[in-house]
Amino acid sequence: MKINQRKNDDENLVGFWEGEKCEYCNGPILEKKIALPRKVGRRYILIKNVPVGVCKECGTKYYAANILKTIESSVRGRRKPVNKVPMFVYSL
């Protein structure tokens, strides 16, 4: 049931940024899905398939409030990660 809810949330975002302009350069905002890397404490995480509005001219990213809330709950451990991968660490 959560999968269906998530799908409905994504469908509600279709057209969310349509007609919106960038607050910095007044360029058009396009809807995209991105991978969002974040550092949480001492860990690095990657949140995939994040729907965002991206300015076509300057690249500024805009996030809907419900997306930020979902990211927050994911980062705070309220959701289980879908995958774990080892990461190589180098020091120079």
N, C-alpha and C. Protein backbone atom coordinates (compact mmCIF):
# COMPACT_ATOMS: atom_id res chain seq x y z
N MET A 1 0.81 -1.19 0.00
CA MET A 1 0.00 0.00 0.00
C MET A 1 0.86 1.26 0.00
N LYS A 2 2.02 1.24 0.65
CA LYS A 2 2.90 2.39 0.64
C LYS A 2 3.42 2.69 -0.76
N ILE A 3 3.64 1.64 -1.55
CA ILE A 3 4.11 1.84 -2.91
C ILE A 3 3.08 2.62 -3.71
N ASN A 4 1.80 2.27 -3.58
CA ASN A 4 0.76 2.99 -4.29
C ASN A 4 0.68 4.44 -3.82
N GLN A 5 0.83 4.68 -2.51
CA GLN A 5 0.79 6.04 -1.99
C GLN A 5 1.93 6.86 -2.58
N ARG A 6 3.12 6.29 -2.62
CA ARG A 6 4.28 6.98 -3.17
C ARG A 6 4.04 7.31 -4.64
N LYS A 7 3.47 6.38 -5.37
CA LYS A 7 3.20 6.60 -6.78
C LYS A 7 2.21 7.76 -6.95
N ASN A 8 1.18 7.80 -6.13
CA ASN A 8 0.21 8.88 -6.20
C ASN A 8 0.86 10.23 -5.88
N ASP A 9 1.79 10.26 -4.92
CA ASP A 9 2.49 11.50 -4.60
C ASP A 9 3.27 12.00 -5.80
N ASP A 10 3.96 11.09 -6.51
CA ASP A 10 4.72 11.47 -7.70
C ASP A 10 3.79 11.99 -8.79
N GLU A 11 2.64 11.37 -8.96
CA GLU A 11 1.69 11.81 -9.98
C GLU A 11 1.17 13.21 -9.66
N ASN A 12 1.02 13.53 -8.37
CA ASN A 12 0.56 14.87 -7.99
C ASN A 12 1.58 15.94 -8.34
N LEU A 13 2.85 15.57 -8.48
CA LEU A 13 3.89 16.54 -8.80
C LEU A 13 3.96 16.84 -10.29
N VAL A 14 3.35 16.03 -11.12
CA VAL A 14 3.37 16.27 -12.55
C VAL A 14 2.67 17.60 -12.80
N GLY A 15 3.38 18.53 -13.41
CA GLY A 15 2.83 19.85 -13.68
C GLY A 15 2.99 20.82 -12.52
N PHE A 16 3.59 20.38 -11.42
CA PHE A 16 3.74 21.23 -10.24
C PHE A 16 4.54 22.49 -10.55
N TRP A 17 5.60 22.36 -11.36
CA TRP A 17 6.48 23.49 -11.66
C TRP A 17 6.11 24.19 -12.96
N GLU A 18 5.08 23.70 -13.64
CA GLU A 18 4.68 24.28 -14.92
C GLU A 18 4.32 25.76 -14.78
N GLY A 19 4.94 26.58 -15.61
CA GLY A 19 4.67 28.01 -15.60
C GLY A 19 5.44 28.79 -14.55
N GLU A 20 6.21 28.10 -13.69
CA GLU A 20 6.99 28.79 -12.65
C GLU A 20 8.29 29.31 -13.24
N LYS A 21 8.78 30.41 -12.68
CA LYS A 21 10.03 31.03 -13.13
C LYS A 21 11.03 31.06 -11.98
N CYS A 22 12.31 30.99 -12.32
CA CYS A 22 13.39 31.04 -11.34
C CYS A 22 13.43 32.41 -10.67
N GLU A 23 13.60 32.40 -9.36
CA GLU A 23 13.65 33.66 -8.62
C GLU A 23 14.95 34.42 -8.85
N TYR A 24 15.98 33.78 -9.40
CA TYR A 24 17.27 34.42 -9.61
C TYR A 24 17.45 34.96 -11.02
N CYS A 25 17.07 34.16 -12.03
CA CYS A 25 17.32 34.59 -13.41
C CYS A 25 16.05 34.67 -14.26
N ASN A 26 14.91 34.32 -13.66
CA ASN A 26 13.61 34.34 -14.35
C ASN A 26 13.51 33.30 -15.47
N GLY A 27 14.39 32.30 -15.44
CA GLY A 27 14.34 31.22 -16.43
C GLY A 27 13.21 30.24 -16.10
N PRO A 28 12.80 29.44 -17.07
CA PRO A 28 11.74 28.46 -16.82
C PRO A 28 12.23 27.31 -15.94
N ILE A 29 11.34 26.80 -15.10
CA ILE A 29 11.67 25.68 -14.22
C ILE A 29 11.11 24.40 -14.83
N LEU A 30 11.98 23.40 -15.00
CA LEU A 30 11.59 22.11 -15.56
C LEU A 30 11.55 21.06 -14.46
N GLU A 31 10.68 20.08 -14.62
CA GLU A 31 10.56 18.99 -13.66
C GLU A 31 11.56 17.89 -14.01
N LYS A 32 12.31 17.44 -13.00
CA LYS A 32 13.27 16.36 -13.19
C LYS A 32 13.32 15.49 -11.95
N LYS A 33 13.94 14.33 -12.06
CA LYS A 33 14.23 13.46 -10.92
C LYS A 33 15.73 13.34 -10.84
N ILE A 34 16.27 13.54 -9.63
CA ILE A 34 17.71 13.54 -9.44
C ILE A 34 18.11 12.58 -8.33
N ALA A 35 19.40 12.30 -8.25
CA ALA A 35 19.97 11.58 -7.11
C ALA A 35 20.56 12.66 -6.20
N LEU A 36 20.20 12.62 -4.94
CA LEU A 36 20.59 13.66 -3.98
C LEU A 36 21.55 13.09 -2.94
N PRO A 37 22.86 13.39 -3.04
CA PRO A 37 23.80 12.93 -2.02
C PRO A 37 23.74 13.84 -0.80
N ARG A 38 23.86 13.27 0.38
CA ARG A 38 23.81 14.03 1.63
C ARG A 38 24.75 13.41 2.65
N LYS A 39 25.29 14.24 3.52
CA LYS A 39 26.07 13.75 4.65
C LYS A 39 25.19 13.89 5.88
N VAL A 40 25.00 12.78 6.59
CA VAL A 40 24.17 12.75 7.80
C VAL A 40 25.05 12.24 8.93
N GLY A 41 25.43 13.14 9.81
CA GLY A 41 26.37 12.76 10.85
C GLY A 41 27.70 12.38 10.22
N ARG A 42 28.12 11.15 10.45
CA ARG A 42 29.38 10.66 9.87
C ARG A 42 29.14 9.78 8.64
N ARG A 43 27.90 9.64 8.24
CA ARG A 43 27.55 8.79 7.11
C ARG A 43 27.23 9.62 5.88
N TYR A 44 27.46 9.03 4.72
CA TYR A 44 27.02 9.62 3.47
C TYR A 44 25.88 8.77 2.95
N ILE A 45 24.84 9.43 2.48
CA ILE A 45 23.70 8.69 1.93
C ILE A 45 23.38 9.24 0.54
N LEU A 46 22.66 8.46 -0.23
CA LEU A 46 22.21 8.87 -1.55
C LEU A 46 20.71 8.62 -1.62
N ILE A 47 19.97 9.65 -1.91
CA ILE A 47 18.52 9.52 -2.07
C ILE A 47 18.23 9.61 -3.56
N LYS A 48 17.72 8.51 -4.12
CA LYS A 48 17.49 8.44 -5.56
C LYS A 48 16.06 8.84 -5.90
N ASN A 49 15.87 9.25 -7.13
CA ASN A 49 14.56 9.57 -7.71
C ASN A 49 13.84 10.70 -6.97
N VAL A 50 14.58 11.75 -6.61
CA VAL A 50 13.99 12.89 -5.92
C VAL A 50 13.41 13.85 -6.98
N PRO A 51 12.09 14.08 -6.94
CA PRO A 51 11.50 15.03 -7.89
C PRO A 51 11.84 16.47 -7.50
N VAL A 52 12.38 17.22 -8.45
CA VAL A 52 12.75 18.62 -8.21
C VAL A 52 12.36 19.47 -9.40
N GLY A 53 12.30 20.76 -9.15
CA GLY A 53 12.20 21.73 -10.23
C GLY A 53 13.60 22.27 -10.46
N VAL A 54 14.06 22.31 -11.70
CA VAL A 54 15.41 22.78 -12.02
C VAL A 54 15.30 23.90 -13.05
N CYS A 55 15.93 25.05 -12.73
CA CYS A 55 15.92 26.16 -13.67
C CYS A 55 16.71 25.79 -14.92
N LYS A 56 16.10 25.98 -16.05
CA LYS A 56 16.74 25.64 -17.33
C LYS A 56 17.94 26.54 -17.62
N GLU A 57 17.93 27.75 -17.10
CA GLU A 57 18.99 28.71 -17.39
C GLU A 57 20.18 28.60 -16.43
N CYS A 58 19.93 28.66 -15.12
CA CYS A 58 21.04 28.72 -14.16
C CYS A 58 21.23 27.45 -13.34
N GLY A 59 20.28 26.49 -13.40
CA GLY A 59 20.43 25.22 -12.72
C GLY A 59 19.99 25.20 -11.26
N THR A 60 19.42 26.30 -10.76
CA THR A 60 18.94 26.33 -9.38
C THR A 60 17.88 25.26 -9.19
N LYS A 61 17.96 24.54 -8.06
CA LYS A 61 17.00 23.46 -7.77
C LYS A 61 15.96 23.93 -6.77
N TYR A 62 14.73 23.54 -7.00
CA TYR A 62 13.60 23.86 -6.12
C TYR A 62 12.93 22.57 -5.68
N TYR A 63 12.60 22.49 -4.40
CA TYR A 63 12.00 21.29 -3.83
C TYR A 63 10.62 21.63 -3.28
N ALA A 64 9.63 20.79 -3.55
CA ALA A 64 8.30 20.96 -2.98
C ALA A 64 8.36 20.59 -1.49
N ALA A 65 7.52 21.21 -0.69
CA ALA A 65 7.52 20.99 0.77
C ALA A 65 7.32 19.53 1.12
N ASN A 66 6.41 18.83 0.43
CA ASN A 66 6.17 17.43 0.77
C ASN A 66 7.38 16.55 0.44
N ILE A 67 8.17 16.93 -0.55
CA ILE A 67 9.39 16.19 -0.88
C ILE A 67 10.42 16.39 0.22
N LEU A 68 10.57 17.62 0.70
CA LEU A 68 11.51 17.89 1.79
C LEU A 68 11.12 17.13 3.05
N LYS A 69 9.84 17.02 3.30
CA LYS A 69 9.36 16.28 4.48
C LYS A 69 9.70 14.79 4.33
N THR A 70 9.52 14.25 3.14
CA THR A 70 9.85 12.84 2.88
C THR A 70 11.35 12.60 3.03
N ILE A 71 12.16 13.53 2.52
CA ILE A 71 13.61 13.41 2.66
C ILE A 71 13.99 13.43 4.14
N GLU A 72 13.42 14.35 4.88
CA GLU A 72 13.70 14.46 6.31
C GLU A 72 13.39 13.16 7.05
N SER A 73 12.24 12.56 6.75
CA SER A 73 11.87 11.31 7.44
C SER A 73 12.79 10.16 7.01
N SER A 74 13.24 10.18 5.77
CA SER A 74 14.18 9.15 5.30
C SER A 74 15.51 9.27 6.01
N VAL A 75 16.01 10.48 6.11
CA VAL A 75 17.31 10.73 6.72
C VAL A 75 17.30 10.41 8.22
N ARG A 76 16.21 10.66 8.87
CA ARG A 76 16.12 10.42 10.32
C ARG A 76 15.87 8.95 10.64
N GLY A 77 15.87 8.09 9.63
CA GLY A 77 15.76 6.66 9.87
C GLY A 77 14.35 6.13 9.99
N ARG A 78 13.37 6.92 9.63
CA ARG A 78 11.99 6.45 9.71
C ARG A 78 11.64 5.54 8.54
N ARG A 79 12.49 5.55 7.54
CA ARG A 79 12.30 4.66 6.40
C ARG A 79 13.55 3.81 6.28
N LYS A 80 13.38 2.60 5.81
CA LYS A 80 14.53 1.70 5.63
C LYS A 80 15.17 1.98 4.28
N PRO A 81 16.50 1.91 4.22
CA PRO A 81 17.17 2.08 2.93
C PRO A 81 16.85 0.92 2.00
N VAL A 82 16.79 1.20 0.70
CA VAL A 82 16.49 0.15 -0.26
C VAL A 82 17.73 -0.63 -0.66
N ASN A 83 18.92 -0.05 -0.37
CA ASN A 83 20.14 -0.71 -0.77
C ASN A 83 21.30 -0.16 0.06
N LYS A 84 22.30 -0.99 0.30
CA LYS A 84 23.54 -0.56 0.94
C LYS A 84 24.69 -0.99 0.06
N VAL A 85 25.67 -0.10 -0.11
CA VAL A 85 26.84 -0.43 -0.93
C VAL A 85 28.10 -0.02 -0.18
N PRO A 86 29.17 -0.79 -0.33
CA PRO A 86 30.45 -0.37 0.27
C PRO A 86 31.01 0.81 -0.51
N MET A 87 31.78 1.66 0.17
CA MET A 87 32.36 2.82 -0.49
C MET A 87 33.86 2.85 -0.19
N PHE A 88 34.64 3.09 -1.23
CA PHE A 88 36.09 3.24 -1.04
C PHE A 88 36.37 4.64 -0.51
N VAL A 89 37.32 4.74 0.42
CA VAL A 89 37.70 6.02 0.99
C VAL A 89 39.19 6.22 0.76
N TYR A 90 39.56 7.37 0.20
CA TYR A 90 40.94 7.69 -0.06
C TYR A 90 41.33 8.93 0.73
N SER A 91 42.59 9.02 1.08
CA SER A 91 43.12 10.20 1.75
C SER A 91 44.32 10.69 0.98
N LEU A 92 44.43 11.97 0.79
CA LEU A 92 45.57 12.53 0.04
C LEU A 92 46.54 13.19 0.99
